[in-house]
Amino acid sequence: MSNEMNKISVVILNWNGADMMRRFLPSVIEHSPETDIVVADNGSTDESLQMLASEFPQIKVIAFDKNYGFAEGYNRALEQIDTPYTILLNNDVEVTPDWLQPLLTFMDSHPEAAACQPKLLNEQRRDHFEYAGACGGFIDWLGYPYCRGRVFSVVEKDNGQYDEPLPVFWATGAALLVRTALYKEVGGLDTRFFAHQEEIDLCWRLRSRGHQIWCIPQSKVYHVGGATLNQSNPRKTFLNFRNNLLMLYKNLPQGELQYVLMWRYVLDYLAALQMILGGRADEAKAVRQARREFTRTCNQFDADRQRNIHATTVETIPEIRSSSLLWAFYILRRRKYSQL
C-alpha cells in the first residue's frame, strides 16, 4: 500500500460525513505530500462514497459494510496499513501547511516516543484551543481527563503559552500520530468502547509499557469538534462514564483499583445528582446506566487487565496527576492548566 517515499498514512474514519470531507479533505490533500491518504468509511448511508469517487478519485477508500464505531473502524483500517507511521485523523479537521514535518522530525529522532499529537485549535474560534485534545492530555489519579489548554469545560485562548513540546499522558484521537507496529502490538483501540476515551486507554497501555506520548505544538490543526455527538448528550454521557471506569479497571495497579473505584462510586452519583438539579435528568439516568453496565461487564476485561499489569514496566507514571483535579477546579478555583 505504501511506496518507498511514503513513511506515513493519514487514515480518516468517516461515517455520513460527506459535507465534512468536502470541506476539509482539500486541506489534507494539499498539505500532506508524499503520504498515503486513506478514507475508511464506516458504512455511510449518505453520499460519502459517491462523493469521494467523483470529487477525490486519488483518495484510497476502505469501505466497511456497517458502522463499526470509532475504535473497531480504525482497527480494521490499520490492518491494511503498513507504513511506519499512521495518523488517525477526524474528518472534521483542517490541517495547515507543513503540519506533518514537525511530527515526523520529532518521531524520527525520538525512538522512545510511541505517539504524538499536534496543537489542536477550534475551527470556529481559531484563537482558542479545541476541547478534544488542546495541547496534550493528562488524567488525575481518579481518572478525570484534562488538557494543556482545557480543564473540564474551561477552554483557554491560545497565546503561545503551551508552545513547548511536552511529554503528555494521552494524545487526542482527533489527530493522533502513532507508530503503526506499536499500535498493533498493544492491540489497537479497544473495540468494546465503541467511542470516547479509547485513545486515552491506548496511550495508557503504551505509556505503562515504557513508551512516551508527546504533544508537538509546532504542528497545528483546526478541529470542528462535537460534530458526531453534541456536548450535552445522554449517549455521550453514558459512553464517557462507562468507558472511563473500564479504562481504570483495565490499567490501574491492583493496590489502587479498589480505592479509586470507591471514590468514583461516590463522585459519579454526586455528578448525577448535580445533573438532576440542573434539569438534565436524561444525563443523570445515563450515568446510572453507565455504572450498572460497568458492574455487569467489568469481569469481561479481566484478561486485558492481567495482560496490561504483566506488561507494565513503568510503575509510577509522572503524567498522572497525584492530586484531585475536582478539588483544584471546584474548590481552589484553578481553571487553567498553568494554575494546576
Protein backbone atom coordinates (compact mmCIF):
# COMPACT_ATOMS: atom_id res chain seq x y z
CA MET A 1 0.00 0.00 0.00
CA SER A 2 2.92 2.36 0.62
CA ASN A 3 5.76 3.20 -1.72
CA GLU A 4 9.33 3.83 -0.67
CA MET A 5 8.88 7.57 -0.32
CA ASN A 6 5.90 7.22 1.96
CA LYS A 7 6.56 6.83 5.67
CA ILE A 8 3.14 7.85 6.80
CA SER A 9 -0.50 7.04 6.14
CA VAL A 10 -3.24 9.50 7.04
CA VAL A 11 -6.35 7.48 7.85
CA ILE A 12 -9.64 9.35 8.06
CA LEU A 13 -12.55 7.45 9.58
CA ASN A 14 -15.84 8.61 8.13
CA TRP A 15 -19.49 7.96 8.87
CA ASN A 16 -22.03 10.05 6.96
CA GLY A 17 -19.55 12.91 6.75
CA ALA A 18 -19.77 13.82 3.06
CA ASP A 19 -20.13 17.54 3.83
CA MET A 20 -17.24 17.50 6.30
CA MET A 21 -14.94 15.72 3.87
CA ARG A 22 -15.89 18.03 1.01
CA ARG A 23 -14.89 20.90 3.29
CA PHE A 24 -11.72 19.52 4.90
CA LEU A 25 -10.20 16.89 2.61
CA PRO A 26 -8.73 19.52 0.25
CA SER A 27 -6.50 20.85 3.06
CA VAL A 28 -5.30 17.32 3.89
CA ILE A 29 -4.50 16.60 0.24
CA GLU A 30 -2.77 19.95 -0.29
CA HIS A 31 -0.65 19.88 2.86
CA SER A 32 0.21 16.17 3.08
CA PRO A 33 2.54 15.47 0.15
CA GLU A 34 4.11 12.04 -0.21
CA THR A 35 1.64 10.41 2.15
CA ASP A 36 -0.97 7.72 1.67
CA ILE A 37 -4.34 9.33 2.37
CA VAL A 38 -6.99 6.73 3.16
CA VAL A 39 -10.67 7.19 3.99
CA ALA A 40 -12.11 4.29 5.98
CA ASP A 41 -15.87 4.51 5.55
CA ASN A 42 -17.96 3.10 8.39
CA GLY A 43 -20.96 2.00 6.30
CA SER A 44 -22.14 5.53 5.46
CA THR A 45 -25.71 5.90 4.22
CA ASP A 46 -25.19 9.42 2.86
CA GLU A 47 -23.38 10.28 -0.39
CA SER A 48 -19.88 9.86 1.11
CA LEU A 49 -18.70 7.06 -1.19
CA GLN A 50 -20.13 8.57 -4.36
CA MET A 51 -18.70 11.99 -3.47
CA LEU A 52 -15.23 10.53 -2.84
CA ALA A 53 -15.28 8.64 -6.14
CA SER A 54 -16.32 11.67 -8.16
CA GLU A 55 -14.56 14.56 -6.38
CA PHE A 56 -11.49 12.89 -4.81
CA PRO A 57 -10.65 9.92 -7.08
CA GLN A 58 -7.00 9.98 -5.93
CA ILE A 59 -8.01 9.02 -2.36
CA LYS A 60 -7.87 5.34 -1.42
CA VAL A 61 -11.14 4.19 0.16
CA ILE A 62 -11.69 1.24 2.50
CA ALA A 63 -15.45 0.68 2.60
CA PHE A 64 -16.91 -1.24 5.53
CA ASP A 65 -20.30 -2.97 5.43
CA LYS A 66 -21.62 -1.21 8.56
CA ASN A 67 -20.75 1.31 11.28
CA TYR A 68 -18.15 -0.39 13.49
CA GLY A 69 -17.66 2.67 15.71
CA PHE A 70 -14.50 4.72 16.18
CA ALA A 71 -12.38 2.01 17.76
CA GLU A 72 -13.11 -1.01 15.59
CA GLY A 73 -13.31 1.14 12.46
CA TYR A 74 -9.73 2.30 12.96
CA ASN A 75 -8.50 -1.17 13.94
CA ARG A 76 -9.95 -2.67 10.78
CA ALA A 77 -8.42 0.11 8.68
CA LEU A 78 -4.96 -0.24 10.24
CA GLU A 79 -4.92 -3.94 9.45
CA GLN A 80 -4.42 -2.74 5.86
CA ILE A 81 -1.72 -0.15 6.67
CA ASP A 82 2.00 -0.97 6.50
CA THR A 83 3.69 2.44 6.63
CA PRO A 84 5.91 3.01 9.71
CA TYR A 85 3.62 5.80 10.92
CA THR A 86 -0.14 6.26 10.83
CA ILE A 87 -2.13 9.39 11.64
CA LEU A 88 -5.67 8.84 12.86
CA LEU A 89 -7.43 11.98 11.65
CA ASN A 90 -11.05 13.01 12.19
CA ASN A 91 -13.00 14.00 9.09
CA ASP A 92 -13.70 17.43 10.63
CA VAL A 93 -10.05 18.53 10.89
CA GLU A 94 -8.44 21.25 8.77
CA VAL A 95 -4.67 20.82 8.58
CA THR A 96 -2.15 23.61 7.98
CA PRO A 97 0.93 23.94 5.73
CA ASP A 98 3.84 21.76 6.93
CA TRP A 99 1.75 20.21 9.70
CA LEU A 100 3.38 16.82 9.23
CA GLN A 101 7.05 17.82 9.27
CA PRO A 102 7.41 18.73 12.99
CA LEU A 103 5.63 15.50 13.98
CA LEU A 104 7.75 13.30 11.70
CA THR A 105 11.02 15.02 12.59
CA PHE A 106 10.29 14.52 16.29
CA MET A 107 9.29 10.86 15.97
CA ASP A 108 12.27 10.03 13.77
CA SER A 109 14.66 11.45 16.36
CA HIS A 110 12.86 10.12 19.46
CA PRO A 111 12.53 6.32 19.22
CA GLU A 112 11.20 6.23 22.80
CA ALA A 113 8.04 8.07 21.63
CA ALA A 114 5.18 5.84 20.53
CA ALA A 115 2.75 8.59 19.57
CA CYS A 116 2.28 12.35 19.39
CA GLN A 117 -0.29 14.96 18.52
CA PRO A 118 -0.27 18.47 17.04
CA LYS A 119 -1.73 21.52 18.75
CA LEU A 120 -5.50 21.21 18.39
CA LEU A 121 -7.31 24.51 17.83
CA ASN A 122 -11.01 25.29 17.49
CA GLU A 123 -12.06 25.62 13.85
CA GLN A 124 -14.80 28.13 14.74
CA ARG A 125 -12.86 30.16 17.36
CA ARG A 126 -9.46 29.85 15.76
CA ASP A 127 -7.53 31.60 18.54
CA HIS A 128 -8.80 29.09 21.13
CA PHE A 129 -7.80 25.52 21.89
CA GLU A 130 -10.25 22.77 20.98
CA TYR A 131 -11.88 20.72 23.73
CA ALA A 132 -10.97 17.26 22.44
CA GLY A 133 -7.22 17.45 22.95
CA ALA A 134 -5.96 21.05 23.08
CA CYS A 135 -2.18 20.89 23.66
CA GLY A 136 -1.92 17.36 25.02
CA GLY A 137 -3.84 15.32 27.57
CA PHE A 138 -3.42 14.19 31.18
CA ILE A 139 -5.55 12.47 33.83
CA ASP A 140 -5.66 12.75 37.59
CA TRP A 141 -5.48 9.76 39.95
CA LEU A 142 -9.27 9.33 39.82
CA GLY A 143 -9.25 9.10 36.02
CA TYR A 144 -10.59 12.56 35.16
CA PRO A 145 -9.07 13.72 31.84
CA TYR A 146 -7.88 17.27 31.17
CA CYS A 147 -5.56 19.02 28.74
CA ARG A 148 -2.96 21.71 28.44
CA GLY A 149 -5.41 24.43 27.43
CA ARG A 150 -8.66 22.77 28.61
CA VAL A 151 -9.70 21.81 32.14
CA PHE A 152 -13.21 20.32 32.29
CA SER A 153 -15.39 22.79 30.32
CA VAL A 154 -12.98 25.75 30.50
CA VAL A 155 -11.11 26.15 27.21
CA GLU A 156 -8.26 28.66 27.04
CA LYS A 157 -7.26 31.10 24.35
CA ASP A 158 -4.02 30.13 22.60
CA ASN A 159 -1.45 32.83 23.29
CA GLY A 160 1.52 30.57 22.64
CA GLN A 161 1.64 29.74 26.36
CA TYR A 162 1.89 26.00 25.68
CA ASP A 163 4.17 26.01 22.63
CA GLU A 164 6.85 23.92 24.33
CA PRO A 165 6.89 20.26 23.18
CA LEU A 166 5.93 18.19 26.21
CA PRO A 167 5.51 14.56 27.22
CA VAL A 168 1.81 14.04 27.96
CA PHE A 169 -0.30 11.14 29.20
CA TRP A 170 -2.61 10.91 26.20
CA ALA A 171 -2.82 12.32 22.71
CA THR A 172 -6.12 13.21 21.08
CA GLY A 173 -7.78 10.70 18.77
CA ALA A 174 -8.79 13.62 16.53
CA ALA A 175 -5.21 13.84 15.18
CA LEU A 176 -3.07 11.03 16.58
CA LEU A 177 0.26 10.06 15.01
CA VAL A 178 1.33 6.59 16.16
CA ARG A 179 3.96 4.04 15.23
CA THR A 180 1.88 1.55 13.23
CA ALA A 181 3.68 -1.54 14.55
CA LEU A 182 3.30 -0.46 18.20
CA TYR A 183 -0.38 0.31 17.68
CA LYS A 184 -0.88 -3.27 16.50
CA GLU A 185 1.45 -4.74 19.15
CA VAL A 186 -0.57 -3.39 22.10
CA GLY A 187 -3.89 -4.35 20.48
CA GLY A 188 -5.01 -1.05 18.97
CA LEU A 189 -8.11 0.71 20.25
CA ASP A 190 -10.47 -1.29 22.48
CA THR A 191 -13.42 -2.05 20.22
CA ARG A 192 -15.75 -2.63 23.20
CA PHE A 193 -15.53 1.10 24.00
CA PHE A 194 -17.24 1.90 20.64
CA ALA A 195 -16.43 5.61 21.03
CA HIS A 196 -14.97 8.02 23.64
CA GLN A 197 -11.82 7.66 25.76
CA GLU A 198 -10.43 4.76 23.75
CA GLU A 199 -7.41 6.85 22.76
CA ILE A 200 -6.67 7.51 26.44
CA ASP A 201 -6.83 3.78 27.12
CA LEU A 202 -4.49 3.12 24.15
CA CYS A 203 -2.00 5.74 25.34
CA TRP A 204 -2.12 4.32 28.89
CA ARG A 205 -1.15 0.89 27.54
CA LEU A 206 1.70 2.39 25.51
CA ARG A 207 2.88 4.57 28.41
CA SER A 208 2.84 1.77 31.01
CA ARG A 209 4.98 -0.33 28.66
CA GLY A 210 7.69 2.33 28.74
CA HIS A 211 6.84 4.32 25.60
CA GLN A 212 6.30 8.07 25.64
CA ILE A 213 3.41 10.19 24.32
CA TRP A 214 4.10 13.79 23.24
CA CYS A 215 2.42 16.97 22.08
CA ILE A 216 4.35 18.86 19.39
CA PRO A 217 2.70 22.32 19.17
CA GLN A 218 4.88 23.38 16.22
CA SER A 219 2.32 21.40 14.23
CA LYS A 220 -1.21 22.76 14.43
CA VAL A 221 -4.60 21.72 13.09
CA TYR A 222 -8.14 23.07 13.45
CA HIS A 223 -10.90 20.77 14.69
CA VAL A 224 -14.64 21.38 14.46
CA GLY A 225 -15.29 19.00 17.39
CA GLY A 226 -18.64 17.89 18.73
CA ALA A 227 -19.54 17.01 15.15
CA THR A 228 -20.56 13.44 15.97
CA LEU A 229 -22.45 13.90 19.25
CA ASN A 230 -23.35 17.18 20.94
CA GLN A 231 -21.58 18.11 24.17
CA SER A 232 -24.73 17.57 26.27
CA ASN A 233 -25.99 14.22 25.05
CA PRO A 234 -27.12 11.22 27.16
CA ARG A 235 -25.44 8.71 24.83
CA LYS A 236 -22.15 10.62 25.06
CA THR A 237 -22.52 10.86 28.86
CA PHE A 238 -23.11 7.10 29.07
CA LEU A 239 -20.05 6.27 26.92
CA ASN A 240 -17.78 8.71 28.74
CA PHE A 241 -18.66 7.46 32.24
CA ARG A 242 -18.71 3.75 31.35
CA ASN A 243 -15.52 3.84 29.28
CA ASN A 244 -13.66 5.88 31.88
CA LEU A 245 -14.45 3.26 34.54
CA LEU A 246 -13.48 0.40 32.22
CA MET A 247 -10.21 2.18 31.40
CA LEU A 248 -9.40 2.45 35.13
CA TYR A 249 -10.29 -1.21 35.63
CA LYS A 250 -8.03 -2.30 32.77
CA ASN A 251 -4.99 -0.23 33.69
CA LEU A 252 -4.80 0.70 37.38
CA PRO A 253 -2.34 -1.23 39.60
CA GLN A 254 -4.05 -3.66 41.97
CA GLY A 255 -3.20 -1.65 45.08
CA GLU A 256 -5.01 1.44 43.76
CA LEU A 257 -8.01 -0.02 41.97
CA GLN A 258 -10.48 -0.61 44.83
CA TYR A 259 -9.65 2.73 46.50
CA VAL A 260 -10.17 4.66 43.25
CA LEU A 261 -13.39 2.80 42.39
CA MET A 262 -14.77 3.52 45.86
CA TRP A 263 -14.20 7.24 45.38
CA ARG A 264 -15.61 7.14 41.85
CA TYR A 265 -18.81 5.47 43.08
CA VAL A 266 -19.45 8.45 45.36
CA LEU A 267 -18.35 11.09 42.85
CA ASP A 268 -20.29 9.63 39.91
CA TYR A 269 -23.55 9.68 41.85
CA LEU A 270 -22.79 13.23 43.05
CA ALA A 271 -22.36 14.17 39.39
CA ALA A 272 -25.73 12.53 38.61
CA LEU A 273 -27.38 14.48 41.43
CA GLN A 274 -25.91 17.70 40.07
CA MET A 275 -27.36 16.82 36.63
CA ILE A 276 -30.82 16.27 38.14
CA LEU A 277 -30.66 19.61 39.97
CA GLY A 278 -29.60 21.23 36.69
CA GLY A 279 -32.61 19.85 34.86
CA ARG A 280 -30.64 17.22 32.96
CA ALA A 281 -32.42 14.08 34.18
CA ASP A 282 -31.66 12.18 30.97
CA GLU A 283 -27.94 12.60 31.56
CA ALA A 284 -28.25 11.55 35.22
CA LYS A 285 -30.03 8.40 34.04
CA ALA A 286 -27.16 7.80 31.60
CA VAL A 287 -24.65 7.97 34.47
CA ARG A 288 -26.63 5.36 36.41
CA GLN A 289 -26.83 3.15 33.32
CA ALA A 290 -23.08 3.55 32.77
CA ARG A 291 -22.32 2.44 36.33
CA ARG A 292 -24.62 -0.58 36.02
CA GLU A 293 -23.08 -1.53 32.68
CA PHE A 294 -19.59 -1.24 34.17
CA THR A 295 -20.52 -3.52 37.10
CA ARG A 296 -22.14 -6.03 34.74
CA THR A 297 -19.29 -6.19 32.19
CA CYS A 298 -16.03 -5.40 34.01
CA ASN A 299 -15.14 -9.08 34.52
CA GLN A 300 -15.04 -9.41 30.71
CA PHE A 301 -11.92 -7.21 30.89
CA ASP A 302 -10.05 -9.39 33.41
CA ALA A 303 -7.74 -10.92 30.79
CA ASP A 304 -6.87 -7.45 29.44
CA ARG A 305 -6.20 -6.25 32.97
CA GLN A 306 -3.82 -9.14 33.71
CA ARG A 307 -2.07 -8.64 30.37
CA ASN A 308 -1.58 -4.91 31.00
CA ILE A 309 -0.31 -5.37 34.56
CA HIS A 310 2.07 -8.11 33.42
CA ALA A 311 3.43 -5.88 30.61
CA THR A 312 3.86 -2.80 32.81
CA THR A 313 7.43 -1.51 33.05
CA VAL A 314 6.64 1.98 34.44
CA GLU A 315 5.20 1.68 37.94
CA THR A 316 4.64 5.40 38.57
CA ILE A 317 3.66 7.42 35.51
CA PRO A 318 4.63 11.08 36.07
CA GLU A 319 1.96 12.37 33.70
CA ILE A 320 -0.82 11.11 36.01
CA ARG A 321 -1.70 13.91 38.44
CA SER A 322 -1.33 12.65 42.01
CA SER A 323 -3.88 15.07 43.49
CA SER A 324 -7.55 15.63 42.71
CA LEU A 325 -8.49 17.67 39.65
CA LEU A 326 -12.02 18.15 41.04
CA TRP A 327 -10.60 19.72 44.21
CA ALA A 328 -8.29 22.04 42.26
CA PHE A 329 -11.04 23.10 39.85
CA TYR A 330 -14.13 23.43 42.07
CA ILE A 331 -12.67 24.23 45.50
CA LEU A 332 -9.39 26.02 44.74
CA ARG A 333 -10.93 27.61 41.58
CA ARG A 334 -7.93 26.75 39.42
CA ARG A 335 -9.41 26.78 35.94
CA LYS A 336 -6.30 26.75 33.74
CA TYR A 337 -3.64 24.12 33.19
CA SER A 338 -0.92 26.63 34.12
CA GLN A 339 -2.55 27.09 37.56
CA LEU A 340 -2.68 23.40 38.44
